[in-house]
Amino acid sequence: MIHLDWATRPTIREIKCVHTNAEKYMVDRALTGGKMYELKNETEEFYFVIDNTGKIGGYYKEYFEG
């Protein structure tokens, strides 16, 4: 039940969004290219960050470097 307190957990590190060119999803509404985001959790395929909406969002790693 880690998802219940992700926002208050310590930040693992900061990662930089390199692009928002998504094929399926509209990530440009929640991410900004060139901006640094707080990484709260990570899986093999996704980064979970606090996005522009102020909430935790899960995004493919291809949008970030770091």
PDB file of N, CA and C in Angstrom:
ATOM      1  N   MET A   1       0.820  -1.190   0.000  1.00  0.00           N
ATOM      2  CA  MET A   1       0.000   0.000   0.000  1.00  0.00           C
ATOM      3  C   MET A   1       0.866   1.257   0.000  1.00  0.00           C
ATOM      4  N   ILE A   2       2.010   1.147  -0.673  1.00  0.00           N
ATOM      5  CA  ILE A   2       2.944   2.267  -0.760  1.00  0.00           C
ATOM      6  C   ILE A   2       2.317   3.494  -1.421  1.00  0.00           C
ATOM      7  N   HIS A   3       1.346   3.272  -2.289  1.00  0.00           N
ATOM      8  CA  HIS A   3       0.734   4.380  -3.021  1.00  0.00           C
ATOM      9  C   HIS A   3      -0.019   5.356  -2.128  1.00  0.00           C
ATOM     10  N   LEU A   4      -0.362   4.960  -0.917  1.00  0.00           N
ATOM     11  CA  LEU A   4      -1.129   5.826  -0.030  1.00  0.00           C
ATOM     12  C   LEU A   4      -0.305   6.984   0.526  1.00  0.00           C
ATOM     13  N   ASP A   5       1.020   6.814   0.608  1.00  0.00           N
ATOM     14  CA  ASP A   5       1.841   7.886   1.175  1.00  0.00           C
ATOM     15  C   ASP A   5       3.025   8.280   0.286  1.00  0.00           C
ATOM     16  N   TRP A   6       2.922   8.062  -1.026  1.00  0.00           N
ATOM     17  CA  TRP A   6       4.002   8.423  -1.945  1.00  0.00           C
ATOM     18  C   TRP A   6       4.359   9.897  -1.863  1.00  0.00           C
ATOM     19  N   ALA A   7       3.391  10.755  -1.807  1.00  0.00           N
ATOM     20  CA  ALA A   7       3.644  12.195  -1.839  1.00  0.00           C
ATOM     21  C   ALA A   7       4.452  12.666  -0.638  1.00  0.00           C
ATOM     22  N   THR A   8       4.334  11.987   0.487  1.00  0.00           N
ATOM     23  CA  THR A   8       5.054  12.413   1.681  1.00  0.00           C
ATOM     24  C   THR A   8       6.349  11.641   1.914  1.00  0.00           C
ATOM     25  N   ARG A   9       6.622  10.640   1.103  1.00  0.00           N
ATOM     26  CA  ARG A   9       7.876   9.883   1.229  1.00  0.00           C
ATOM     27  C   ARG A   9       9.055  10.737   0.785  1.00  0.00           C
ATOM     28  N   PRO A  10      10.240  10.418   1.268  1.00  0.00           N
ATOM     29  CA  PRO A  10      11.423  11.164   0.817  1.00  0.00           C
ATOM     30  C   PRO A  10      11.643  10.972  -0.687  1.00  0.00           C
ATOM     31  N   THR A  11      12.137  12.001  -1.335  1.00  0.00           N
ATOM     32  CA  THR A  11      12.436  11.948  -2.762  1.00  0.00           C
ATOM     33  C   THR A  11      13.666  11.076  -2.977  1.00  0.00           C
ATOM     34  N   ILE A  12      13.597  10.140  -3.931  1.00  0.00           N
ATOM     35  CA  ILE A  12      14.729   9.273  -4.247  1.00  0.00           C
ATOM     36  C   ILE A  12      15.825  10.093  -4.915  1.00  0.00           C
ATOM     37  N   ARG A  13      15.459  10.851  -5.943  1.00  0.00           N
ATOM     38  CA  ARG A  13      16.356  11.768  -6.644  1.00  0.00           C
ATOM     39  C   ARG A  13      15.494  12.621  -7.575  1.00  0.00           C
ATOM     40  N   GLU A  14      16.114  13.585  -8.207  1.00  0.00           N
ATOM     41  CA  GLU A  14      15.397  14.391  -9.187  1.00  0.00           C
ATOM     42  C   GLU A  14      15.792  13.930 -10.581  1.00  0.00           C
ATOM     43  N   ILE A  15      14.809  13.885 -11.463  1.00  0.00           N
ATOM     44  CA  ILE A  15      15.053  13.480 -12.838  1.00  0.00           C
ATOM     45  C   ILE A  15      14.506  14.550 -13.775  1.00  0.00           C
ATOM     46  N   LYS A  16      15.111  14.643 -14.945  1.00  0.00           N
ATOM     47  CA  LYS A  16      14.741  15.680 -15.906  1.00  0.00           C
ATOM     48  C   LYS A  16      13.868  15.096 -17.011  1.00  0.00           C
ATOM     49  N   CYS A  17      12.774  15.761 -17.287  1.00  0.00           N
ATOM     50  CA  CYS A  17      11.902  15.388 -18.410  1.00  0.00           C
ATOM     51  C   CYS A  17      12.563  15.872 -19.693  1.00  0.00           C
ATOM     52  N   VAL A  18      12.802  14.966 -20.634  1.00  0.00           N
ATOM     53  CA  VAL A  18      13.482  15.348 -21.869  1.00  0.00           C
ATOM     54  C   VAL A  18      12.519  15.600 -23.026  1.00  0.00           C
ATOM     55  N   HIS A  19      11.331  15.003 -22.991  1.00  0.00           N
ATOM     56  CA  HIS A  19      10.335  15.271 -24.034  1.00  0.00           C
ATOM     57  C   HIS A  19       8.957  14.824 -23.558  1.00  0.00           C
ATOM     58  N   THR A  20       7.944  15.297 -24.262  1.00  0.00           N
ATOM     59  CA  THR A  20       6.557  14.912 -23.967  1.00  0.00           C
ATOM     60  C   THR A  20       5.861  14.429 -25.226  1.00  0.00           C
ATOM     61  N   ASN A  21       6.617  13.898 -26.162  1.00  0.00           N
ATOM     62  CA  ASN A  21       6.078  13.412 -27.432  1.00  0.00           C
ATOM     63  C   ASN A  21       5.561  11.985 -27.274  1.00  0.00           C
ATOM     64  N   ALA A  22       4.353  11.856 -26.794  1.00  0.00           N
ATOM     65  CA  ALA A  22       3.761  10.545 -26.553  1.00  0.00           C
ATOM     66  C   ALA A  22       2.928  10.112 -27.752  1.00  0.00           C
ATOM     67  N   GLU A  23       2.948   8.816 -28.040  1.00  0.00           N
ATOM     68  CA  GLU A  23       2.155   8.290 -29.148  1.00  0.00           C
ATOM     69  C   GLU A  23       0.701   8.064 -28.743  1.00  0.00           C
ATOM     70  N   LYS A  24       0.478   7.565 -27.525  1.00  0.00           N
ATOM     71  CA  LYS A  24      -0.873   7.205 -27.094  1.00  0.00           C
ATOM     72  C   LYS A  24      -1.498   8.208 -26.137  1.00  0.00           C
ATOM     73  N   TYR A  25      -0.715   8.744 -25.237  1.00  0.00           N
ATOM     74  CA  TYR A  25      -1.256   9.523 -24.126  1.00  0.00           C
ATOM     75  C   TYR A  25      -0.882  10.997 -24.252  1.00  0.00           C
ATOM     76  N   MET A  26      -1.619  11.851 -23.596  1.00  0.00           N
ATOM     77  CA  MET A  26      -1.361  13.286 -23.627  1.00  0.00           C
ATOM     78  C   MET A  26      -0.578  13.679 -22.378  1.00  0.00           C
ATOM     79  N   VAL A  27       0.702  13.412 -22.375  1.00  0.00           N
ATOM     80  CA  VAL A  27       1.527  13.697 -21.201  1.00  0.00           C
ATOM     81  C   VAL A  27       1.962  15.154 -21.142  1.00  0.00           C
ATOM     82  N   ASP A  28       1.804  15.887 -22.239  1.00  0.00           N
ATOM     83  CA  ASP A  28       2.219  17.291 -22.229  1.00  0.00           C
ATOM     84  C   ASP A  28       1.354  18.154 -21.309  1.00  0.00           C
ATOM     85  N   ARG A  29       0.239  17.623 -20.865  1.00  0.00           N
ATOM     86  CA  ARG A  29      -0.600  18.348 -19.902  1.00  0.00           C
ATOM     87  C   ARG A  29      -0.090  18.208 -18.479  1.00  0.00           C
ATOM     88  N   ALA A  30       0.693  17.169 -18.223  1.00  0.00           N
ATOM     89  CA  ALA A  30       1.168  16.916 -16.860  1.00  0.00           C
ATOM     90  C   ALA A  30       2.675  17.046 -16.718  1.00  0.00           C
ATOM     91  N   LEU A  31       3.412  17.026 -17.816  1.00  0.00           N
ATOM     92  CA  LEU A  31       4.869  17.149 -17.779  1.00  0.00           C
ATOM     93  C   LEU A  31       5.314  18.290 -18.683  1.00  0.00           C
ATOM     94  N   THR A  32       6.454  18.875 -18.358  1.00  0.00           N
ATOM     95  CA  THR A  32       7.039  19.938 -19.160  1.00  0.00           C
ATOM     96  C   THR A  32       8.463  19.533 -19.519  1.00  0.00           C
ATOM     97  N   GLY A  33       8.779  19.544 -20.799  1.00  0.00           N
ATOM     98  CA  GLY A  33      10.120  19.202 -21.248  1.00  0.00           C
ATOM     99  C   GLY A  33      11.157  20.149 -20.665  1.00  0.00           C
ATOM    100  N   GLY A  34      12.262  19.603 -20.157  1.00  0.00           N
ATOM    101  CA  GLY A  34      13.322  20.405 -19.571  1.00  0.00           C
ATOM    102  C   GLY A  34      13.179  20.662 -18.085  1.00  0.00           C
ATOM    103  N   LYS A  35      12.054  20.311 -17.494  1.00  0.00           N
ATOM    104  CA  LYS A  35      11.809  20.553 -16.074  1.00  0.00           C
ATOM    105  C   LYS A  35      12.268  19.365 -15.237  1.00  0.00           C
ATOM    106  N   MET A  36      12.739  19.639 -14.024  1.00  0.00           N
ATOM    107  CA  MET A  36      13.155  18.604 -13.079  1.00  0.00           C
ATOM    108  C   MET A  36      11.948  18.181 -12.233  1.00  0.00           C
ATOM    109  N   TYR A  37      11.832  16.879 -11.989  1.00  0.00           N
ATOM    110  CA  TYR A  37      10.733  16.330 -11.201  1.00  0.00           C
ATOM    111  C   TYR A  37      11.274  15.464 -10.076  1.00  0.00           C
ATOM    112  N   GLU A  38      10.559  15.430  -8.959  1.00  0.00           N
ATOM    113  CA  GLU A  38      10.928  14.607  -7.819  1.00  0.00           C
ATOM    114  C   GLU A  38      10.504  13.167  -8.058  1.00  0.00           C
ATOM    115  N   LEU A  39      11.464  12.249  -8.053  1.00  0.00           N
ATOM    116  CA  LEU A  39      11.185  10.824  -8.234  1.00  0.00           C
ATOM    117  C   LEU A  39      10.811  10.223  -6.888  1.00  0.00           C
ATOM    118  N   LYS A  40       9.615   9.660  -6.809  1.00  0.00           N
ATOM    119  CA  LYS A  40       9.127   9.079  -5.565  1.00  0.00           C
ATOM    120  C   LYS A  40       9.187   7.561  -5.560  1.00  0.00           C
ATOM    121  N   ASN A  41       9.069   6.930  -6.729  1.00  0.00           N
ATOM    122  CA  ASN A  41       9.129   5.473  -6.827  1.00  0.00           C
ATOM    123  C   ASN A  41       9.506   5.115  -8.257  1.00  0.00           C
ATOM    124  N   GLU A  42      10.036   3.908  -8.427  1.00  0.00           N
ATOM    125  CA  GLU A  42      10.500   3.477  -9.736  1.00  0.00           C
ATOM    126  C   GLU A  42      10.242   1.987  -9.903  1.00  0.00           C
ATOM    127  N   THR A  43       9.793   1.597 -11.090  1.00  0.00           N
ATOM    128  CA  THR A  43       9.659   0.189 -11.441  1.00  0.00           C
ATOM    129  C   THR A  43      10.516  -0.040 -12.686  1.00  0.00           C
ATOM    130  N   GLU A  44      10.478  -1.230 -13.241  1.00  0.00           N
ATOM    131  CA  GLU A  44      11.255  -1.506 -14.442  1.00  0.00           C
ATOM    132  C   GLU A  44      10.841  -0.625 -15.614  1.00  0.00           C
ATOM    133  N   GLU A  45       9.573  -0.277 -15.685  1.00  0.00           N
ATOM    134  CA  GLU A  45       9.035   0.423 -16.848  1.00  0.00           C
ATOM    135  C   GLU A  45       8.636   1.875 -16.582  1.00  0.00           C
ATOM    136  N   PHE A  46       8.356   2.224 -15.331  1.00  0.00           N
ATOM    137  CA  PHE A  46       7.788   3.527 -15.008  1.00  0.00           C
ATOM    138  C   PHE A  46       8.576   4.275 -13.941  1.00  0.00           C
ATOM    139  N   TYR A  47       8.499   5.609 -14.021  1.00  0.00           N
ATOM    140  CA  TYR A  47       8.903   6.504 -12.942  1.00  0.00           C
ATOM    141  C   TYR A  47       7.621   7.087 -12.370  1.00  0.00           C
ATOM    142  N   PHE A  48       7.554   7.211 -11.069  1.00  0.00           N
ATOM    143  CA  PHE A  48       6.431   7.844 -10.398  1.00  0.00           C
ATOM    144  C   PHE A  48       6.929   9.161  -9.822  1.00  0.00           C
ATOM    145  N   VAL A  49       6.421  10.257 -10.360  1.00  0.00           N
ATOM    146  CA  VAL A  49       6.895  11.591 -10.008  1.00  0.00           C
ATOM    147  C   VAL A  49       5.721  12.470  -9.592  1.00  0.00           C
ATOM    148  N   ILE A  50       6.055  13.565  -8.913  1.00  0.00           N
ATOM    149  CA  ILE A  50       5.049  14.595  -8.663  1.00  0.00           C
ATOM    150  C   ILE A  50       5.035  15.476  -9.900  1.00  0.00           C
ATOM    151  N   ASP A  51       3.941  15.412 -10.655  1.00  0.00           N
ATOM    152  CA  ASP A  51       3.877  16.120 -11.941  1.00  0.00           C
ATOM    153  C   ASP A  51       3.336  17.546 -11.782  1.00  0.00           C
ATOM    154  N   ASN A  52       3.023  18.193 -12.886  1.00  0.00           N
ATOM    155  CA  ASN A  52       2.564  19.585 -12.868  1.00  0.00           C
ATOM    156  C   ASN A  52       1.219  19.772 -12.170  1.00  0.00           C
ATOM    157  N   THR A  53       0.464  18.700 -11.996  1.00  0.00           N
ATOM    158  CA  THR A  53      -0.822  18.807 -11.306  1.00  0.00           C
ATOM    159  C   THR A  53      -0.652  18.797  -9.793  1.00  0.00           C
ATOM    160  N   GLY A  54       0.573  18.489  -9.315  1.00  0.00           N
ATOM    161  CA  GLY A  54       0.837  18.419  -7.886  1.00  0.00           C
ATOM    162  C   GLY A  54       0.550  17.051  -7.295  1.00  0.00           C
ATOM    163  N   LYS A  55       0.188  16.096  -8.135  1.00  0.00           N
ATOM    164  CA  LYS A  55      -0.112  14.741  -7.685  1.00  0.00           C
ATOM    165  C   LYS A  55       0.919  13.772  -8.247  1.00  0.00           C
ATOM    166  N   ILE A  56       0.928  12.555  -7.723  1.00  0.00           N
ATOM    167  CA  ILE A  56       1.821  11.516  -8.211  1.00  0.00           C
ATOM    168  C   ILE A  56       1.276  10.966  -9.524  1.00  0.00           C
ATOM    169  N   GLY A  57       2.145  10.860 -10.510  1.00  0.00           N
ATOM    170  CA  GLY A  57       1.778  10.267 -11.785  1.00  0.00           C
ATOM    171  C   GLY A  57       2.840   9.267 -12.202  1.00  0.00           C
ATOM    172  N   GLY A  58       2.422   8.198 -12.853  1.00  0.00           N
ATOM    173  CA  GLY A  58       3.348   7.193 -13.356  1.00  0.00           C
ATOM    174  C   GLY A  58       3.562   7.388 -14.850  1.00  0.00           C
ATOM    175  N   TYR A  59       4.827   7.516 -15.266  1.00  0.00           N
ATOM    176  CA  TYR A  59       5.153   7.796 -16.662  1.00  0.00           C
ATOM    177  C   TYR A  59       6.250   6.856 -17.136  1.00  0.00           C
ATOM    178  N   TYR A  60       6.204   6.513 -18.418  1.00  0.00           N
ATOM    179  CA  TYR A  60       7.251   5.684 -19.000  1.00  0.00           C
ATOM    180  C   TYR A  60       8.609   6.364 -18.811  1.00  0.00           C
ATOM    181  N   LYS A  61       9.636   5.559 -18.629  1.00  0.00           N
ATOM    182  CA  LYS A  61      10.965   6.083 -18.409  1.00  0.00           C
ATOM    183  C   LYS A  61      11.526   6.825 -19.626  1.00  0.00           C
ATOM    184  N   GLU A  62      10.962   6.575 -20.803  1.00  0.00           N
ATOM    185  CA  GLU A  62      11.466   7.202 -22.017  1.00  0.00           C
ATOM    186  C   GLU A  62      11.328   8.722 -22.020  1.00  0.00           C
ATOM    187  N   TYR A  63      10.479   9.276 -21.163  1.00  0.00           N
ATOM    188  CA  TYR A  63      10.282  10.715 -21.105  1.00  0.00           C
ATOM    189  C   TYR A  63      11.332  11.427 -20.257  1.00  0.00           C
ATOM    190  N   PHE A  64      12.189  10.663 -19.576  1.00  0.00           N
ATOM    191  CA  PHE A  64      13.121  11.247 -18.611  1.00  0.00           C
ATOM    192  C   PHE A  64      14.555  10.815 -18.862  1.00  0.00           C
ATOM    193  N   GLU A  65      15.474  11.573 -18.299  1.00  0.00           N
ATOM    194  CA  GLU A  65      16.866  11.179 -18.193  1.00  0.00           C
ATOM    195  C   GLU A  65      17.294  11.415 -16.755  1.00  0.00           C
ATOM    196  N   GLY A  66      18.147  10.590 -16.288  1.00  0.00           N
ATOM    197  CA  GLY A  66      18.628  10.854 -14.944  1.00  0.00           C
ATOM    198  C   GLY A  66      18.637   9.685 -14.094  1.00  0.00           C
TER     199      GLY A  66
END
